[in-house]
C-alpha atoms as a PDB file:
ATOM      1  CA  MET A   1      11.010  -2.308   4.222  1.00  0.00           C
ATOM      2  CA  LYS A   2      11.140  -5.675   5.850  1.00  0.00           C
ATOM      3  CA  ASN A   3       9.938  -7.946   3.109  1.00  0.00           C
ATOM      4  CA  TYR A   4       8.815  -8.208  -0.559  1.00  0.00           C
ATOM      5  CA  GLY A   5       5.249  -7.743   0.299  1.00  0.00           C
ATOM      6  CA  GLU A   6       5.724  -4.491   2.028  1.00  0.00           C
ATOM      7  CA  SER A   7       7.962  -3.336  -0.894  1.00  0.00           C
ATOM      8  CA  LEU A   8       5.294  -4.145  -3.451  1.00  0.00           C
ATOM      9  CA  ALA A   9       2.638  -2.358  -1.342  1.00  0.00           C
ATOM     10  CA  TYR A  10       5.012   0.629  -1.178  1.00  0.00           C
ATOM     11  CA  TRP A  11       5.336   0.844  -4.981  1.00  0.00           C
ATOM     12  CA  TYR A  12       1.619   0.205  -5.531  1.00  0.00           C
ATOM     13  CA  PHE A  13       0.736   3.279  -3.496  1.00  0.00           C
ATOM     14  CA  ARG A  14       3.593   5.396  -4.843  1.00  0.00           C
ATOM     15  CA  LEU A  15       2.649   4.701  -8.448  1.00  0.00           C
ATOM     16  CA  ASN A  16      -0.955   5.690  -7.660  1.00  0.00           C
ATOM     17  CA  GLY A  17      -0.014   9.124  -6.448  1.00  0.00           C
ATOM     18  CA  PHE A  18       0.442   8.480  -2.800  1.00  0.00           C
ATOM     19  CA  ILE A  19       3.433   9.435  -0.623  1.00  0.00           C
ATOM     20  CA  PRO A  20       4.161   6.220   1.255  1.00  0.00           C
ATOM     21  CA  MET A  21       6.130   5.929   4.549  1.00  0.00           C
ATOM     22  CA  THR A  22       7.273   2.442   5.449  1.00  0.00           C
ATOM     23  CA  ASP A  23       7.783   0.900   8.943  1.00  0.00           C
ATOM     24  CA  PHE A  24       6.055   3.888  10.533  1.00  0.00           C
ATOM     25  CA  VAL A  25       7.185   3.739  14.189  1.00  0.00           C
ATOM     26  CA  LEU A  26       4.698   3.751  16.966  1.00  0.00           C
ATOM     27  CA  HIS A  27       6.518   4.492  20.108  1.00  0.00           C
ATOM     28  CA  GLY A  28       5.413   2.719  23.284  1.00  0.00           C
ATOM     29  CA  ASP A  29       4.520   3.861  26.764  1.00  0.00           C
ATOM     30  CA  ASP A  30       3.625   2.351  30.104  1.00  0.00           C
ATOM     31  CA  ARG A  31       0.703   0.566  28.652  1.00  0.00           C
ATOM     32  CA  LEU A  32       1.949  -0.502  25.201  1.00  0.00           C
ATOM     33  CA  LYS A  33       5.147  -1.790  23.674  1.00  0.00           C
ATOM     34  CA  SER A  34       6.682  -0.025  20.741  1.00  0.00           C
ATOM     35  CA  SER A  35       5.343  -1.167  17.402  1.00  0.00           C
ATOM     36  CA  ASP A  36       5.040   0.007  13.754  1.00  0.00           C
ATOM     37  CA  CYS A  37       2.636   0.223  10.829  1.00  0.00           C
ATOM     38  CA  ASP A  38       3.950  -1.476   7.764  1.00  0.00           C
ATOM     39  CA  LEU A  39       2.896   1.445   5.539  1.00  0.00           C
ATOM     40  CA  VAL A  40       1.276   4.796   5.976  1.00  0.00           C
ATOM     41  CA  ALA A  41       0.321   6.329   2.531  1.00  0.00           C
ATOM     42  CA  VAL A  42      -0.924   9.902   2.168  1.00  0.00           C
ATOM     43  CA  ARG A  43      -2.522  11.328  -1.116  1.00  0.00           C
ATOM     44  CA  PHE A  44      -3.223  14.976  -1.675  1.00  0.00           C
ATOM     45  CA  PRO A  45      -6.157  16.245  -3.658  1.00  0.00           C
ATOM     46  CA  HIS A  46      -4.421  17.460  -6.760  1.00  0.00           C
ATOM     47  CA  VAL A  47      -1.939  14.741  -7.668  1.00  0.00           C
ATOM     48  CA  TRP A  48      -0.272  15.199 -11.045  1.00  0.00           C
ATOM     49  CA  GLU A  49       2.809  13.782 -12.766  1.00  0.00           C
ATOM     50  CA  LYS A  50       3.937  13.851 -16.268  1.00  0.00           C
ATOM     51  CA  VAL A  51       4.715  10.129 -16.489  1.00  0.00           C
ATOM     52  CA  GLY A  52       2.241   7.917 -14.818  1.00  0.00           C
ATOM     53  CA  GLY A  53       0.242  10.631 -13.029  1.00  0.00           C
ATOM     54  CA  GLN A  54      -2.679  11.291 -15.397  1.00  0.00           C
ATOM     55  CA  ASP A  55      -6.369  10.798 -14.572  1.00  0.00           C
ATOM     56  CA  ASN A  56      -6.468   7.476 -16.475  1.00  0.00           C
ATOM     57  CA  ASP A  57      -3.448   5.939 -14.654  1.00  0.00           C
ATOM     58  CA  TRP A  58      -4.995   5.252 -11.304  1.00  0.00           C
ATOM     59  CA  HIS A  59      -5.842   1.635 -10.399  1.00  0.00           C
ATOM     60  CA  ASP A  60      -9.494   0.726 -10.181  1.00  0.00           C
ATOM     61  CA  LEU A  61      -8.959  -1.294  -6.923  1.00  0.00           C
ATOM     62  CA  TRP A  62      -7.952   1.622  -4.616  1.00  0.00           C
ATOM     63  CA  VAL A  63     -10.190   4.143  -6.457  1.00  0.00           C
ATOM     64  CA  HIS A  64     -13.245   1.876  -5.933  1.00  0.00           C
ATOM     65  CA  ASP A  65     -12.522   1.262  -2.199  1.00  0.00           C
ATOM     66  CA  LEU A  66     -10.966   4.385  -0.984  1.00  0.00           C
ATOM     67  CA  GLN A  67     -13.186   6.710  -3.086  1.00  0.00           C
ATOM     68  CA  PRO A  68     -11.176   9.886  -3.511  1.00  0.00           C
ATOM     69  CA  GLU A  69     -13.120  13.063  -3.357  1.00  0.00           C
ATOM     70  CA  GLU A  70     -12.352  16.505  -4.513  1.00  0.00           C
ATOM     71  CA  GLY A  71     -10.853  18.613  -1.700  1.00  0.00           C
ATOM     72  CA  TYR A  72      -9.995  15.606   0.442  1.00  0.00           C
ATOM     73  CA  THR A  73      -6.595  14.425   1.559  1.00  0.00           C
ATOM     74  CA  LEU A  74      -6.346  10.626   1.859  1.00  0.00           C
ATOM     75  CA  ALA A  75      -4.345   8.720   4.463  1.00  0.00           C
ATOM     76  CA  THR A  76      -4.226   4.969   4.516  1.00  0.00           C
ATOM     77  CA  PHE A  77      -2.941   2.689   7.260  1.00  0.00           C
ATOM     78  CA  VAL A  78      -1.634  -0.547   5.600  1.00  0.00           C
ATOM     79  CA  GLN A  79      -0.729  -3.910   7.117  1.00  0.00           C
ATOM     80  CA  VAL A  80       0.803  -6.558   4.784  1.00  0.00           C
ATOM     81  CA  LYS A  81       0.554 -10.247   5.483  1.00  0.00           C
ATOM     82  CA  THR A  82       2.311 -12.675   3.118  1.00  0.00           C
ATOM     83  CA  GLY A  83       1.747 -15.932   5.025  1.00  0.00           C
ATOM     84  CA  LYS A  84      -0.547 -18.556   3.414  1.00  0.00           C
ATOM     85  CA  ASP A  85      -3.187 -18.520   6.208  1.00  0.00           C
ATOM     86  CA  ASP A  86      -2.863 -14.828   7.155  1.00  0.00           C
ATOM     87  CA  GLY A  87      -6.427 -14.222   5.977  1.00  0.00           C
ATOM     88  CA  ASN A  88      -7.516 -15.967   9.177  1.00  0.00           C
ATOM     89  CA  ARG A  89      -5.656 -13.554  11.432  1.00  0.00           C
ATOM     90  CA  ALA A  90      -8.511 -11.146  11.869  1.00  0.00           C
ATOM     91  CA  GLY A  91      -8.305 -11.316  15.644  1.00  0.00           C
ATOM     92  CA  GLU A  92      -4.652 -10.238  15.722  1.00  0.00           C
ATOM     93  CA  LEU A  93      -5.419  -7.365  13.261  1.00  0.00           C
ATOM     94  CA  LYS A  94      -8.370  -6.260  15.374  1.00  0.00           C
ATOM     95  CA  GLU A  95      -6.204  -6.202  18.449  1.00  0.00           C
ATOM     96  CA  TYR A  96      -3.444  -4.244  16.552  1.00  0.00           C
ATOM     97  CA  PHE A  97      -5.778  -1.552  15.412  1.00  0.00           C
ATOM     98  CA  LYS A  98      -7.595  -1.433  18.796  1.00  0.00           C
ATOM     99  CA  LYS A  99      -4.232  -0.683  20.478  1.00  0.00           C
ATOM    100  CA  HIS A 100      -2.576   1.591  18.003  1.00  0.00           C
ATOM    101  CA  LEU A 101      -5.184   3.356  15.842  1.00  0.00           C
ATOM    102  CA  GLU A 102      -5.483   6.407  18.228  1.00  0.00           C
ATOM    103  CA  TYR A 103      -1.699   6.899  18.046  1.00  0.00           C
ATOM    104  CA  LEU A 104      -1.733   6.548  14.378  1.00  0.00           C
ATOM    105  CA  VAL A 105      -4.423   9.056  13.780  1.00  0.00           C
ATOM    106  CA  TRP A 106      -2.904  11.578  16.233  1.00  0.00           C
ATOM    107  CA  ARG A 107       0.538  11.066  14.878  1.00  0.00           C
ATOM    108  CA  LEU A 108      -0.561  12.098  11.283  1.00  0.00           C
ATOM    109  CA  GLY A 109      -1.055  15.621  12.642  1.00  0.00           C
ATOM    110  CA  PHE A 110      -4.338  16.407  10.795  1.00  0.00           C
ATOM    111  CA  TRP A 111      -6.067  17.364  13.959  1.00  0.00           C
ATOM    112  CA  PRO A 112      -5.220  18.291  17.604  1.00  0.00           C
ATOM    113  CA  LYS A 113      -5.230  15.463  20.165  1.00  0.00           C
ATOM    114  CA  ASP A 114      -8.806  15.772  21.395  1.00  0.00           C
ATOM    115  CA  VAL A 115     -10.251  15.697  17.783  1.00  0.00           C
ATOM    116  CA  ALA A 116      -7.930  12.838  16.826  1.00  0.00           C
ATOM    117  CA  GLN A 117      -9.140  10.817  19.715  1.00  0.00           C
ATOM    118  CA  ARG A 118     -12.799  11.186  18.660  1.00  0.00           C
ATOM    119  CA  VAL A 119     -11.955  10.416  14.971  1.00  0.00           C
ATOM    120  CA  ALA A 120      -9.998   7.330  16.072  1.00  0.00           C
ATOM    121  CA  ARG A 121     -12.789   6.132  18.357  1.00  0.00           C
ATOM    122  CA  ASP A 122     -15.308   6.300  15.536  1.00  0.00           C
ATOM    123  CA  PHE A 123     -12.783   4.807  13.103  1.00  0.00           C
ATOM    124  CA  GLN A 124     -12.306   1.540  15.077  1.00  0.00           C
ATOM    125  CA  GLU A 125     -15.471  -0.067  13.787  1.00  0.00           C
ATOM    126  CA  THR A 126     -15.320   0.862  10.142  1.00  0.00           C
ATOM    127  CA  ASN A 127     -12.898   0.693   7.249  1.00  0.00           C
ATOM    128  CA  GLN A 128     -13.032   4.357   6.394  1.00  0.00           C
ATOM    129  CA  ILE A 129     -13.800   7.715   7.949  1.00  0.00           C
ATOM    130  CA  LYS A 130     -13.725  11.344   6.937  1.00  0.00           C
ATOM    131  CA  HIS A 131     -13.655  14.497   8.877  1.00  0.00           C
ATOM    132  CA  LYS A 132     -13.064  18.097   7.761  1.00  0.00           C
ATOM    133  CA  GLY A 133     -11.087  17.701   4.565  1.00  0.00           C
ATOM    134  CA  TYR A 134      -9.413  14.389   5.415  1.00  0.00           C
ATOM    135  CA  LYS A 135     -10.350  10.780   4.626  1.00  0.00           C
ATOM    136  CA  LEU A 136      -8.758   7.848   6.620  1.00  0.00           C
ATOM    137  CA  SER A 137      -8.831   4.119   5.656  1.00  0.00           C
ATOM    138  CA  LYS A 138      -7.440   0.839   6.717  1.00  0.00           C
ATOM    139  CA  VAL A 139      -6.151  -1.691   4.277  1.00  0.00           C
ATOM    140  CA  VAL A 140      -4.843  -5.248   4.822  1.00  0.00           C
ATOM    141  CA  VAL A 141      -2.888  -6.785   1.946  1.00  0.00           C
ATOM    142  CA  LEU A 142      -3.112 -10.591   1.922  1.00  0.00           C
ATOM    143  CA  ARG A 143      -1.197 -13.149  -0.144  1.00  0.00           C
ATOM    144  CA  ASP A 144      -4.272 -15.183  -0.662  1.00  0.00           C
ATOM    145  CA  LEU A 145      -7.882 -14.062  -0.196  1.00  0.00           C
ATOM    146  CA  ARG A 146      -9.302 -17.605  -0.560  1.00  0.00           C
ATOM    147  CA  GLU A 147      -9.151 -18.209   3.226  1.00  0.00           C
ATOM    148  CA  ARG A 148     -10.090 -14.729   4.358  1.00  0.00           C
ATOM    149  CA  ARG A 149     -12.869 -13.794   6.701  1.00  0.00           C
ATOM    150  CA  VAL A 150     -14.255 -10.621   5.304  1.00  0.00           C
ATOM    151  CA  GLU A 151     -13.980  -7.820   7.857  1.00  0.00           C
ATOM    152  CA  PRO A 152     -15.971  -4.597   7.904  1.00  0.00           C
ATOM    153  CA  GLN A 153     -13.147  -2.862   9.843  1.00  0.00           C
ATOM    154  CA  TRP A 154     -10.714  -2.772   6.958  1.00  0.00           C
ATOM    155  CA  PHE A 155     -10.427  -3.283   3.175  1.00  0.00           C
ATOM    156  CA  GLU A 156      -8.702  -6.556   2.167  1.00  0.00           C
ATOM    157  CA  TRP A 157      -6.635  -6.540  -1.067  1.00  0.00           C
ATOM    158  CA  ARG A 158      -4.849  -9.398  -2.825  1.00  0.00           C
ATOM    159  CA  LEU A 159      -1.180  -8.972  -3.236  1.00  0.00           C
ATOM    160  CA  LEU A 160      -1.297 -10.401  -6.722  1.00  0.00           C
ATOM    161  CA  ASP A 161      -3.545  -7.479  -7.801  1.00  0.00           C
ATOM    162  CA  LEU A 162      -0.914  -5.030  -6.644  1.00  0.00           C
ATOM    163  CA  VAL A 163       1.785  -6.995  -8.519  1.00  0.00           C
ATOM    164  CA  MET A 164      -0.282  -7.083 -11.741  1.00  0.00           C
ATOM    165  CA  PHE A 165      -0.783  -3.222 -11.509  1.00  0.00           C
ATOM    166  CA  ILE A 166       2.900  -2.582 -11.009  1.00  0.00           C
ATOM    167  CA  GLU A 167       3.683  -4.761 -14.113  1.00  0.00           C
ATOM    168  CA  GLN A 168       1.096  -3.034 -16.192  1.00  0.00           C
ATOM    169  CA  ARG A 169       2.470   0.461 -15.178  1.00  0.00           C
ATOM    170  CA  MET A 170       6.006  -0.565 -16.131  1.00  0.00           C
ATOM    171  CA  VAL A 171       4.777  -1.817 -19.518  1.00  0.00           C
ATOM    172  CA  LYS A 172       2.684   1.232 -20.270  1.00  0.00           C
ATOM    173  CA  TYR A 173       5.506   3.692 -19.699  1.00  0.00           C
ATOM    174  CA  LYS A 174       8.332   1.275 -20.375  1.00  0.00           C
ATOM    175  CA  PRO A 175      10.776   3.686 -22.188  1.00  0.00           C
ATOM    176  CA  ASP A 176      10.526   6.291 -19.381  1.00  0.00           C
ATOM    177  CA  LYS A 177      10.559   3.829 -16.558  1.00  0.00           C
ATOM    178  CA  PHE A 178      13.526   1.972 -18.086  1.00  0.00           C
ATOM    179  CA  GLU A 179      15.555   5.154 -18.589  1.00  0.00           C
ATOM    180  CA  SER A 180      14.805   6.179 -14.982  1.00  0.00           C
ATOM    181  CA  ARG A 181      15.277   2.793 -13.397  1.00  0.00           C
ATOM    182  CA  MET A 182      18.390   3.406 -11.549  1.00  0.00           C
ATOM    183  CA  HIS A 183      16.886   6.444  -9.865  1.00  0.00           C
ATOM    184  CA  PHE A 184      14.528   4.204  -8.045  1.00  0.00           C
ATOM    185  CA  PRO A 185      15.930   3.200  -4.724  1.00  0.00           C
ATOM    186  CA  ASP A 186      14.620  -0.376  -4.671  1.00  0.00           C
ATOM    187  CA  PRO A 187      16.216  -3.157  -6.685  1.00  0.00           C
ATOM    188  CA  LEU A 188      12.854  -4.840  -7.029  1.00  0.00           C
ATOM    189  CA  ILE A 189      11.269  -1.932  -8.972  1.00  0.00           C
ATOM    190  CA  GLN A 190      14.419  -1.625 -11.035  1.00  0.00           C
ATOM    191  CA  LEU A 191      13.858  -5.274 -12.204  1.00  0.00           C
ATOM    192  CA  TYR A 192      10.294  -4.623 -13.076  1.00  0.00           C
ATOM    193  CA  ALA A 193      11.448  -1.766 -15.315  1.00  0.00           C
ATOM    194  CA  GLU A 194      14.012  -4.045 -16.909  1.00  0.00           C
ATOM    195  CA  GLN A 195      11.436  -6.756 -17.468  1.00  0.00           C
ATOM    196  CA  ALA A 196       8.953  -4.382 -19.087  1.00  0.00           C
ATOM    197  CA  MET A 197      11.554  -3.089 -21.530  1.00  0.00           C
ATOM    198  CA  ASN A 198      13.306  -6.400 -22.309  1.00  0.00           C
ATOM    199  CA  GLN A 199      11.305  -9.519 -23.162  1.00  0.00           C
ATOM    200  CA  GLU A 200      14.177 -11.903 -22.205  1.00  0.00           C
ATOM    201  CA  PHE A 201      14.099 -10.643 -18.713  1.00  0.00           C
ATOM    202  CA  ARG A 202      10.509 -11.507 -18.006  1.00  0.00           C
ATOM    203  CA  PHE A 203       9.202 -14.538 -16.068  1.00  0.00           C
ATOM    204  CA  PRO A 204       8.669 -17.375 -16.512  1.00  0.00           C
ATOM    205  CA  THR A 205      12.068 -18.627 -17.777  1.00  0.00           C
ATOM    206  CA  VAL A 206      11.512 -22.313 -17.290  1.00  0.00           C
ATOM    207  CA  ASP A 207      10.202 -22.911 -20.914  1.00  0.00           C
ATOM    208  CA  ARG A 208      13.295 -21.279 -22.470  1.00  0.00           C
ATOM    209  CA  PRO A 209      16.044 -23.317 -24.045  1.00  0.00           C
ATOM    210  CA  PRO A 210      18.895 -24.090 -21.633  1.00  0.00           C
ATOM    211  CA  LEU A 211      22.185 -22.389 -21.892  1.00  0.00           C
ATOM    212  CA  GLN A 212      24.499 -24.122 -24.347  1.00  0.00           C
ATOM    213  CA  LEU A 213      27.946 -24.330 -22.821  1.00  0.00           C
ATOM    214  CA  ARG A 214      30.950 -24.404 -25.087  1.00  0.00           C
END
């Protein structure tokens, strides 16, 4: 993962029952340079986990937008933008998906090439599409939605909402998450587990008494 925004998006999807893949490489050819997708997240129909994988554990944001349906596997293509004015980069994002969406859909392996090409063509102008047991969506995570230009071609989510969900999940299952924190491969999520379990590790720290040196 290249930055904190992508890391937060990764853990948001993972804690919601998706299998996320970061920096998903898109190999170039004679027409296009190589690129990547910040995150590709796949979710199968019967997700379950003892800790944090129950029916009441899923976040309302993705459930409302991606609309899971019984018998459908979800696949989400995610781009993360953490710049202050990235909400106004709709043109760049449109160009990105225009160039790479066919490759992304085909690369998933849900359908043979000819079917994937038809799905990708229909998917260009909408934020979600489903075909024969699979539902695909496009999500753009933005640092600040105040400057956004709402696009029908993808869902726009606020990074802060992802952060708040991660914090709430860690608090809800804090003994289990704390005990397992060192098994998580990302120091960022280890810190969230520590903060949930121990009040003194939580932000903000600015109002606490300064250290008294002896």
